[in-house]
Amino acid sequence: LAAAFMGHFVEKHGPRKSGIVSTI
């Protein structure tokens, strides 16, 4: 579900921010 709904977030904010959100 997260992969589906957050895919656009990854594209918009880039891998660094997305990686940090994942880490948290």
mmCIF file of all heavy atoms, coordinates in Angstrom:
data_MODEL
# 
_entry.id   MODEL 
# 
loop_
_atom_site.group_PDB 
_atom_site.id 
_atom_site.type_symbol 
_atom_site.label_atom_id 
_atom_site.label_alt_id 
_atom_site.label_comp_id 
_atom_site.label_asym_id 
_atom_site.label_entity_id 
_atom_site.label_seq_id 
_atom_site.pdbx_PDB_ins_code 
_atom_site.Cartn_x 
_atom_site.Cartn_y 
_atom_site.Cartn_z 
_atom_site.occupancy 
_atom_site.B_iso_or_equiv 
_atom_site.pdbx_formal_charge 
_atom_site.auth_seq_id 
_atom_site.auth_comp_id 
_atom_site.auth_asym_id 
_atom_site.auth_atom_id 
_atom_site.pdbx_PDB_model_num 
ATOM 1   N N   . LEU A 1 1  ? 0.837  -1.214 0.000   1.00 0.00 ? 1  LEU A N   1 
ATOM 2   C CA  . LEU A 1 1  ? 0.000  0.000  0.000   1.00 0.00 ? 1  LEU A CA  1 
ATOM 3   C C   . LEU A 1 1  ? 0.867  1.257  0.000   1.00 0.00 ? 1  LEU A C   1 
ATOM 4   O O   . LEU A 1 1  ? 0.599  2.210  -0.744  1.00 0.00 ? 1  LEU A O   1 
ATOM 5   C CB  . LEU A 1 1  ? -0.927 0.001  1.226   1.00 0.00 ? 1  LEU A CB  1 
ATOM 6   C CG  . LEU A 1 1  ? -2.002 -1.102 1.253   1.00 0.00 ? 1  LEU A CG  1 
ATOM 7   C CD1 . LEU A 1 1  ? -2.756 -1.086 2.576   1.00 0.00 ? 1  LEU A CD1 1 
ATOM 8   C CD2 . LEU A 1 1  ? -2.971 -0.929 0.090   1.00 0.00 ? 1  LEU A CD2 1 
ATOM 9   N N   . ALA A 1 2  ? 1.920  1.252  0.833   1.00 0.00 ? 2  ALA A N   1 
ATOM 10  C CA  . ALA A 1 2  ? 2.801  2.437  0.901   1.00 0.00 ? 2  ALA A CA  1 
ATOM 11  C C   . ALA A 1 2  ? 3.521  2.642  -0.422  1.00 0.00 ? 2  ALA A C   1 
ATOM 12  O O   . ALA A 1 2  ? 3.665  3.767  -0.907  1.00 0.00 ? 2  ALA A O   1 
ATOM 13  C CB  . ALA A 1 2  ? 3.818  2.277  2.035   1.00 0.00 ? 2  ALA A CB  1 
ATOM 14  N N   . ALA A 1 3  ? 3.965  1.538  -1.047  1.00 0.00 ? 3  ALA A N   1 
ATOM 15  C CA  . ALA A 1 3  ? 4.642  1.644  -2.338  1.00 0.00 ? 3  ALA A CA  1 
ATOM 16  C C   . ALA A 1 3  ? 3.702  2.263  -3.371  1.00 0.00 ? 3  ALA A C   1 
ATOM 17  O O   . ALA A 1 3  ? 4.098  3.104  -4.176  1.00 0.00 ? 3  ALA A O   1 
ATOM 18  C CB  . ALA A 1 3  ? 5.107  0.269  -2.804  1.00 0.00 ? 3  ALA A CB  1 
ATOM 19  N N   . ALA A 1 4  ? 2.427  1.852  -3.321  1.00 0.00 ? 4  ALA A N   1 
ATOM 20  C CA  . ALA A 1 4  ? 1.447  2.369  -4.290  1.00 0.00 ? 4  ALA A CA  1 
ATOM 21  C C   . ALA A 1 4  ? 1.134  3.840  -4.046  1.00 0.00 ? 4  ALA A C   1 
ATOM 22  O O   . ALA A 1 4  ? 1.126  4.651  -4.974  1.00 0.00 ? 4  ALA A O   1 
ATOM 23  C CB  . ALA A 1 4  ? 0.169  1.540  -4.220  1.00 0.00 ? 4  ALA A CB  1 
ATOM 24  N N   . PHE A 1 5  ? 0.876  4.189  -2.777  1.00 0.00 ? 5  PHE A N   1 
ATOM 25  C CA  . PHE A 1 5  ? 0.425  5.559  -2.492  1.00 0.00 ? 5  PHE A CA  1 
ATOM 26  C C   . PHE A 1 5  ? 1.568  6.560  -2.372  1.00 0.00 ? 5  PHE A C   1 
ATOM 27  O O   . PHE A 1 5  ? 1.360  7.764  -2.534  1.00 0.00 ? 5  PHE A O   1 
ATOM 28  C CB  . PHE A 1 5  ? -0.437 5.580  -1.214  1.00 0.00 ? 5  PHE A CB  1 
ATOM 29  C CG  . PHE A 1 5  ? -1.775 4.946  -1.408  1.00 0.00 ? 5  PHE A CG  1 
ATOM 30  C CD1 . PHE A 1 5  ? -2.084 3.727  -0.819  1.00 0.00 ? 5  PHE A CD1 1 
ATOM 31  C CD2 . PHE A 1 5  ? -2.738 5.544  -2.223  1.00 0.00 ? 5  PHE A CD2 1 
ATOM 32  C CE1 . PHE A 1 5  ? -3.315 3.118  -1.021  1.00 0.00 ? 5  PHE A CE1 1 
ATOM 33  C CE2 . PHE A 1 5  ? -3.981 4.945  -2.425  1.00 0.00 ? 5  PHE A CE2 1 
ATOM 34  C CZ  . PHE A 1 5  ? -4.275 3.733  -1.820  1.00 0.00 ? 5  PHE A CZ  1 
ATOM 35  N N   . MET A 1 6  ? 2.782  6.069  -2.081  1.00 0.00 ? 6  MET A N   1 
ATOM 36  C CA  . MET A 1 6  ? 3.900  6.999  -1.880  1.00 0.00 ? 6  MET A CA  1 
ATOM 37  C C   . MET A 1 6  ? 4.823  7.094  -3.099  1.00 0.00 ? 6  MET A C   1 
ATOM 38  O O   . MET A 1 6  ? 5.813  7.814  -3.066  1.00 0.00 ? 6  MET A O   1 
ATOM 39  C CB  . MET A 1 6  ? 4.719  6.579  -0.651  1.00 0.00 ? 6  MET A CB  1 
ATOM 40  C CG  . MET A 1 6  ? 3.940  6.640  0.654   1.00 0.00 ? 6  MET A CG  1 
ATOM 41  S SD  . MET A 1 6  ? 3.381  8.314  1.067   1.00 0.00 ? 6  MET A SD  1 
ATOM 42  C CE  . MET A 1 6  ? 4.913  9.027  1.676   1.00 0.00 ? 6  MET A CE  1 
ATOM 43  N N   . GLY A 1 7  ? 4.485  6.360  -4.167  1.00 0.00 ? 7  GLY A N   1 
ATOM 44  C CA  . GLY A 1 7  ? 5.302  6.423  -5.384  1.00 0.00 ? 7  GLY A CA  1 
ATOM 45  C C   . GLY A 1 7  ? 5.426  7.841  -5.926  1.00 0.00 ? 7  GLY A C   1 
ATOM 46  O O   . GLY A 1 7  ? 6.510  8.280  -6.334  1.00 0.00 ? 7  GLY A O   1 
ATOM 47  N N   . HIS A 1 8  ? 4.308  8.564  -5.900  1.00 0.00 ? 8  HIS A N   1 
ATOM 48  C CA  . HIS A 1 8  ? 4.329  9.957  -6.387  1.00 0.00 ? 8  HIS A CA  1 
ATOM 49  C C   . HIS A 1 8  ? 5.178  10.844 -5.480  1.00 0.00 ? 8  HIS A C   1 
ATOM 50  O O   . HIS A 1 8  ? 5.846  11.768 -5.940  1.00 0.00 ? 8  HIS A O   1 
ATOM 51  C CB  . HIS A 1 8  ? 2.895  10.511 -6.484  1.00 0.00 ? 8  HIS A CB  1 
ATOM 52  C CG  . HIS A 1 8  ? 2.120  9.923  -7.629  1.00 0.00 ? 8  HIS A CG  1 
ATOM 53  N ND1 . HIS A 1 8  ? 2.335  10.292 -8.937  1.00 0.00 ? 8  HIS A ND1 1 
ATOM 54  C CD2 . HIS A 1 8  ? 1.152  8.972  -7.661  1.00 0.00 ? 8  HIS A CD2 1 
ATOM 55  C CE1 . HIS A 1 8  ? 1.516  9.612  -9.727  1.00 0.00 ? 8  HIS A CE1 1 
ATOM 56  N NE2 . HIS A 1 8  ? 0.808  8.800  -8.978  1.00 0.00 ? 8  HIS A NE2 1 
ATOM 57  N N   . PHE A 1 9  ? 5.143  10.537 -4.170  1.00 0.00 ? 9  PHE A N   1 
ATOM 58  C CA  . PHE A 1 9  ? 5.958  11.290 -3.198  1.00 0.00 ? 9  PHE A CA  1 
ATOM 59  C C   . PHE A 1 9  ? 7.445  11.121 -3.527  1.00 0.00 ? 9  PHE A C   1 
ATOM 60  O O   . PHE A 1 9  ? 8.213  12.091 -3.520  1.00 0.00 ? 9  PHE A O   1 
ATOM 61  C CB  . PHE A 1 9  ? 5.662  10.771 -1.779  1.00 0.00 ? 9  PHE A CB  1 
ATOM 62  C CG  . PHE A 1 9  ? 6.502  11.421 -0.703  1.00 0.00 ? 9  PHE A CG  1 
ATOM 63  C CD1 . PHE A 1 9  ? 6.085  12.593 -0.082  1.00 0.00 ? 9  PHE A CD1 1 
ATOM 64  C CD2 . PHE A 1 9  ? 7.723  10.871 -0.310  1.00 0.00 ? 9  PHE A CD2 1 
ATOM 65  C CE1 . PHE A 1 9  ? 6.863  13.197 0.903   1.00 0.00 ? 9  PHE A CE1 1 
ATOM 66  C CE2 . PHE A 1 9  ? 8.515  11.462 0.666   1.00 0.00 ? 9  PHE A CE2 1 
ATOM 67  C CZ  . PHE A 1 9  ? 8.065  12.634 1.273   1.00 0.00 ? 9  PHE A CZ  1 
ATOM 68  N N   . VAL A 1 10 ? 7.834  9.877  -3.852  1.00 0.00 ? 10 VAL A N   1 
ATOM 69  C CA  . VAL A 1 10 ? 9.234  9.579  -4.197  1.00 0.00 ? 10 VAL A CA  1 
ATOM 70  C C   . VAL A 1 10 ? 9.646  10.377 -5.440  1.00 0.00 ? 10 VAL A C   1 
ATOM 71  O O   . VAL A 1 10 ? 10.722 10.971 -5.490  1.00 0.00 ? 10 VAL A O   1 
ATOM 72  C CB  . VAL A 1 10 ? 9.433  8.058  -4.442  1.00 0.00 ? 10 VAL A CB  1 
ATOM 73  C CG1 . VAL A 1 10 ? 10.831 7.757  -4.955  1.00 0.00 ? 10 VAL A CG1 1 
ATOM 74  C CG2 . VAL A 1 10 ? 9.179  7.274  -3.147  1.00 0.00 ? 10 VAL A CG2 1 
ATOM 75  N N   . GLU A 1 11 ? 8.764  10.397 -6.448  1.00 0.00 ? 11 GLU A N   1 
ATOM 76  C CA  . GLU A 1 11 ? 9.080  11.123 -7.690  1.00 0.00 ? 11 GLU A CA  1 
ATOM 77  C C   . GLU A 1 11 ? 9.168  12.633 -7.440  1.00 0.00 ? 11 GLU A C   1 
ATOM 78  O O   . GLU A 1 11 ? 10.013 13.319 -8.003  1.00 0.00 ? 11 GLU A O   1 
ATOM 79  C CB  . GLU A 1 11 ? 8.008  10.843 -8.768  1.00 0.00 ? 11 GLU A CB  1 
ATOM 80  C CG  . GLU A 1 11 ? 7.977  9.395  -9.252  1.00 0.00 ? 11 GLU A CG  1 
ATOM 81  C CD  . GLU A 1 11 ? 9.251  8.972  -9.967  1.00 0.00 ? 11 GLU A CD  1 
ATOM 82  O OE1 . GLU A 1 11 ? 10.044 9.835  -10.380 1.00 0.00 ? 11 GLU A OE1 1 
ATOM 83  O OE2 . GLU A 1 11 ? 9.456  7.753  -10.105 1.00 0.00 ? 11 GLU A OE2 1 
ATOM 84  N N   . LYS A 1 12 ? 8.292  13.134 -6.592  1.00 0.00 ? 12 LYS A N   1 
ATOM 85  C CA  . LYS A 1 12 ? 8.217  14.587 -6.366  1.00 0.00 ? 12 LYS A CA  1 
ATOM 86  C C   . LYS A 1 12 ? 9.358  15.091 -5.487  1.00 0.00 ? 12 LYS A C   1 
ATOM 87  O O   . LYS A 1 12 ? 9.959  16.127 -5.758  1.00 0.00 ? 12 LYS A O   1 
ATOM 88  C CB  . LYS A 1 12 ? 6.862  14.932 -5.725  1.00 0.00 ? 12 LYS A CB  1 
ATOM 89  C CG  . LYS A 1 12 ? 6.611  16.436 -5.609  1.00 0.00 ? 12 LYS A CG  1 
ATOM 90  C CD  . LYS A 1 12 ? 5.245  16.716 -5.007  1.00 0.00 ? 12 LYS A CD  1 
ATOM 91  C CE  . LYS A 1 12 ? 5.069  18.201 -4.751  1.00 0.00 ? 12 LYS A CE  1 
ATOM 92  N NZ  . LYS A 1 12 ? 3.816  18.489 -4.020  1.00 0.00 ? 12 LYS A NZ  1 
ATOM 93  N N   . HIS A 1 13 ? 9.666  14.366 -4.414  1.00 0.00 ? 13 HIS A N   1 
ATOM 94  C CA  . HIS A 1 13 ? 10.626 14.873 -3.419  1.00 0.00 ? 13 HIS A CA  1 
ATOM 95  C C   . HIS A 1 13 ? 12.027 14.287 -3.554  1.00 0.00 ? 13 HIS A C   1 
ATOM 96  O O   . HIS A 1 13 ? 12.944 14.704 -2.849  1.00 0.00 ? 13 HIS A O   1 
ATOM 97  C CB  . HIS A 1 13 ? 10.087 14.639 -2.002  1.00 0.00 ? 13 HIS A CB  1 
ATOM 98  C CG  . HIS A 1 13 ? 8.839  15.427 -1.716  1.00 0.00 ? 13 HIS A CG  1 
ATOM 99  N ND1 . HIS A 1 13 ? 8.861  16.780 -1.466  1.00 0.00 ? 13 HIS A ND1 1 
ATOM 100 C CD2 . HIS A 1 13 ? 7.544  15.041 -1.686  1.00 0.00 ? 13 HIS A CD2 1 
ATOM 101 C CE1 . HIS A 1 13 ? 7.613  17.195 -1.271  1.00 0.00 ? 13 HIS A CE1 1 
ATOM 102 N NE2 . HIS A 1 13 ? 6.797  16.170 -1.402  1.00 0.00 ? 13 HIS A NE2 1 
ATOM 103 N N   . GLY A 1 14 ? 12.172 13.293 -4.426  1.00 0.00 ? 14 GLY A N   1 
ATOM 104 C CA  . GLY A 1 14 ? 13.505 12.750 -4.666  1.00 0.00 ? 14 GLY A CA  1 
ATOM 105 C C   . GLY A 1 14 ? 13.885 11.661 -3.679  1.00 0.00 ? 14 GLY A C   1 
ATOM 106 O O   . GLY A 1 14 ? 13.257 11.496 -2.631  1.00 0.00 ? 14 GLY A O   1 
ATOM 107 N N   . PRO A 1 15 ? 14.951 10.905 -3.991  1.00 0.00 ? 15 PRO A N   1 
ATOM 108 C CA  . PRO A 1 15 ? 15.306 9.730  -3.202  1.00 0.00 ? 15 PRO A CA  1 
ATOM 109 C C   . PRO A 1 15 ? 15.826 10.032 -1.801  1.00 0.00 ? 15 PRO A C   1 
ATOM 110 O O   . PRO A 1 15 ? 15.628 9.246  -0.882  1.00 0.00 ? 15 PRO A O   1 
ATOM 111 C CB  . PRO A 1 15 ? 16.385 9.050  -4.046  1.00 0.00 ? 15 PRO A CB  1 
ATOM 112 C CG  . PRO A 1 15 ? 16.935 10.127 -4.925  1.00 0.00 ? 15 PRO A CG  1 
ATOM 113 C CD  . PRO A 1 15 ? 15.802 11.064 -5.177  1.00 0.00 ? 15 PRO A CD  1 
ATOM 114 N N   . ARG A 1 16 ? 16.491 11.192 -1.615  1.00 0.00 ? 16 ARG A N   1 
ATOM 115 C CA  . ARG A 1 16 ? 17.067 11.479 -0.290  1.00 0.00 ? 16 ARG A CA  1 
ATOM 116 C C   . ARG A 1 16 ? 15.961 11.656 0.754   1.00 0.00 ? 16 ARG A C   1 
ATOM 117 O O   . ARG A 1 16 ? 15.959 10.999 1.799   1.00 0.00 ? 16 ARG A O   1 
ATOM 118 C CB  . ARG A 1 16 ? 17.950 12.717 -0.358  1.00 0.00 ? 16 ARG A CB  1 
ATOM 119 C CG  . ARG A 1 16 ? 18.688 12.979 0.978   1.00 0.00 ? 16 ARG A CG  1 
ATOM 120 C CD  . ARG A 1 16 ? 19.651 14.129 0.843   1.00 0.00 ? 16 ARG A CD  1 
ATOM 121 N NE  . ARG A 1 16 ? 20.656 13.863 -0.161  1.00 0.00 ? 16 ARG A NE  1 
ATOM 122 C CZ  . ARG A 1 16 ? 21.177 14.803 -0.968  1.00 0.00 ? 16 ARG A CZ  1 
ATOM 123 N NH1 . ARG A 1 16 ? 20.778 16.042 -0.883  1.00 0.00 ? 16 ARG A NH1 1 
ATOM 124 N NH2 . ARG A 1 16 ? 22.094 14.470 -1.855  1.00 0.00 ? 16 ARG A NH2 1 
ATOM 125 N N   . LYS A 1 17 ? 15.002 12.555 0.443   1.00 0.00 ? 17 LYS A N   1 
ATOM 126 C CA  . LYS A 1 17 ? 13.907 12.795 1.402   1.00 0.00 ? 17 LYS A CA  1 
ATOM 127 C C   . LYS A 1 17 ? 13.082 11.524 1.601   1.00 0.00 ? 17 LYS A C   1 
ATOM 128 O O   . LYS A 1 17 ? 12.683 11.201 2.726   1.00 0.00 ? 17 LYS A O   1 
ATOM 129 C CB  . LYS A 1 17 ? 12.991 13.912 0.882   1.00 0.00 ? 17 LYS A CB  1 
ATOM 130 C CG  . LYS A 1 17 ? 13.497 15.313 1.208   1.00 0.00 ? 17 LYS A CG  1 
ATOM 131 C CD  . LYS A 1 17 ? 12.486 16.355 0.802   1.00 0.00 ? 17 LYS A CD  1 
ATOM 132 C CE  . LYS A 1 17 ? 13.059 17.751 0.973   1.00 0.00 ? 17 LYS A CE  1 
ATOM 133 N NZ  . LYS A 1 17 ? 12.242 18.776 0.307   1.00 0.00 ? 17 LYS A NZ  1 
ATOM 134 N N   . SER A 1 18 ? 12.815 10.812 0.511   1.00 0.00 ? 18 SER A N   1 
ATOM 135 C CA  . SER A 1 18 ? 12.022 9.579  0.610   1.00 0.00 ? 18 SER A CA  1 
ATOM 136 C C   . SER A 1 18 ? 12.745 8.548  1.473   1.00 0.00 ? 18 SER A C   1 
ATOM 137 O O   . SER A 1 18 ? 12.129 7.873  2.294   1.00 0.00 ? 18 SER A O   1 
ATOM 138 C CB  . SER A 1 18 ? 11.783 8.979  -0.778  1.00 0.00 ? 18 SER A CB  1 
ATOM 139 O OG  . SER A 1 18 ? 11.222 9.935  -1.630  1.00 0.00 ? 18 SER A OG  1 
ATOM 140 N N   . GLY A 1 19 ? 14.062 8.432  1.275   1.00 0.00 ? 19 GLY A N   1 
ATOM 141 C CA  . GLY A 1 19 ? 14.859 7.498  2.072   1.00 0.00 ? 19 GLY A CA  1 
ATOM 142 C C   . GLY A 1 19 ? 14.819 7.836  3.552   1.00 0.00 ? 19 GLY A C   1 
ATOM 143 O O   . GLY A 1 19 ? 14.740 6.947  4.407   1.00 0.00 ? 19 GLY A O   1 
ATOM 144 N N   . ILE A 1 20 ? 14.852 9.129  3.866   1.00 0.00 ? 20 ILE A N   1 
ATOM 145 C CA  . ILE A 1 20 ? 14.816 9.564  5.280   1.00 0.00 ? 20 ILE A CA  1 
ATOM 146 C C   . ILE A 1 20 ? 13.448 9.263  5.897   1.00 0.00 ? 20 ILE A C   1 
ATOM 147 O O   . ILE A 1 20 ? 13.360 8.794  7.041   1.00 0.00 ? 20 ILE A O   1 
ATOM 148 C CB  . ILE A 1 20 ? 15.192 11.067 5.398   1.00 0.00 ? 20 ILE A CB  1 
ATOM 149 C CG1 . ILE A 1 20 ? 16.690 11.236 5.076   1.00 0.00 ? 20 ILE A CG1 1 
ATOM 150 C CG2 . ILE A 1 20 ? 14.873 11.608 6.787   1.00 0.00 ? 20 ILE A CG2 1 
ATOM 151 C CD1 . ILE A 1 20 ? 17.142 12.672 4.882   1.00 0.00 ? 20 ILE A CD1 1 
ATOM 152 N N   . VAL A 1 21 ? 12.362 9.482  5.126   1.00 0.00 ? 21 VAL A N   1 
ATOM 153 C CA  . VAL A 1 21 ? 11.010 9.155  5.616   1.00 0.00 ? 21 VAL A CA  1 
ATOM 154 C C   . VAL A 1 21 ? 10.921 7.652  5.893   1.00 0.00 ? 21 VAL A C   1 
ATOM 155 O O   . VAL A 1 21 ? 10.401 7.222  6.933   1.00 0.00 ? 21 VAL A O   1 
ATOM 156 C CB  . VAL A 1 21 ? 9.917  9.594  4.599   1.00 0.00 ? 21 VAL A CB  1 
ATOM 157 C CG1 . VAL A 1 21 ? 8.552  9.039  4.995   1.00 0.00 ? 21 VAL A CG1 1 
ATOM 158 C CG2 . VAL A 1 21 ? 9.861  11.108 4.480   1.00 0.00 ? 21 VAL A CG2 1 
ATOM 159 N N   . SER A 1 22 ? 11.457 6.852  4.978   1.00 0.00 ? 22 SER A N   1 
ATOM 160 C CA  . SER A 1 22 ? 11.474 5.399  5.150   1.00 0.00 ? 22 SER A CA  1 
ATOM 161 C C   . SER A 1 22 ? 12.254 5.008  6.411   1.00 0.00 ? 22 SER A C   1 
ATOM 162 O O   . SER A 1 22 ? 11.810 4.170  7.202   1.00 0.00 ? 22 SER A O   1 
ATOM 163 C CB  . SER A 1 22 ? 12.114 4.750  3.908   1.00 0.00 ? 22 SER A CB  1 
ATOM 164 O OG  . SER A 1 22 ? 12.512 3.435  4.183   1.00 0.00 ? 22 SER A OG  1 
ATOM 165 N N   . THR A 1 23 ? 13.410 5.650  6.605   1.00 0.00 ? 23 THR A N   1 
ATOM 166 C CA  . THR A 1 23 ? 14.270 5.382  7.769   1.00 0.00 ? 23 THR A CA  1 
ATOM 167 C C   . THR A 1 23 ? 13.525 5.645  9.074   1.00 0.00 ? 23 THR A C   1 
ATOM 168 O O   . THR A 1 23 ? 13.554 4.828  10.008  1.00 0.00 ? 23 THR A O   1 
ATOM 169 C CB  . THR A 1 23 ? 15.529 6.277  7.710   1.00 0.00 ? 23 THR A CB  1 
ATOM 170 O OG1 . THR A 1 23 ? 16.217 6.024  6.490   1.00 0.00 ? 23 THR A OG1 1 
ATOM 171 C CG2 . THR A 1 23 ? 16.459 6.001  8.881   1.00 0.00 ? 23 THR A CG2 1 
ATOM 172 N N   . ILE A 1 24 ? 12.837 6.786  9.126   1.00 0.00 ? 24 ILE A N   1 
ATOM 173 C CA  . ILE A 1 24 ? 12.112 7.172  10.350  1.00 0.00 ? 24 ILE A CA  1 
ATOM 174 C C   . ILE A 1 24 ? 11.000 6.158  10.643  1.00 0.00 ? 24 ILE A C   1 
ATOM 175 O O   . ILE A 1 24 ? 10.858 5.674  11.769  1.00 0.00 ? 24 ILE A O   1 
ATOM 176 C CB  . ILE A 1 24 ? 11.546 8.608  10.217  1.00 0.00 ? 24 ILE A CB  1 
ATOM 177 C CG1 . ILE A 1 24 ? 12.705 9.613  10.217  1.00 0.00 ? 24 ILE A CG1 1 
ATOM 178 C CG2 . ILE A 1 24 ? 10.558 8.921  11.334  1.00 0.00 ? 24 ILE A CG2 1 
ATOM 179 C CD1 . ILE A 1 24 ? 12.333 11.018 9.754   1.00 0.00 ? 24 ILE A CD1 1 
# 
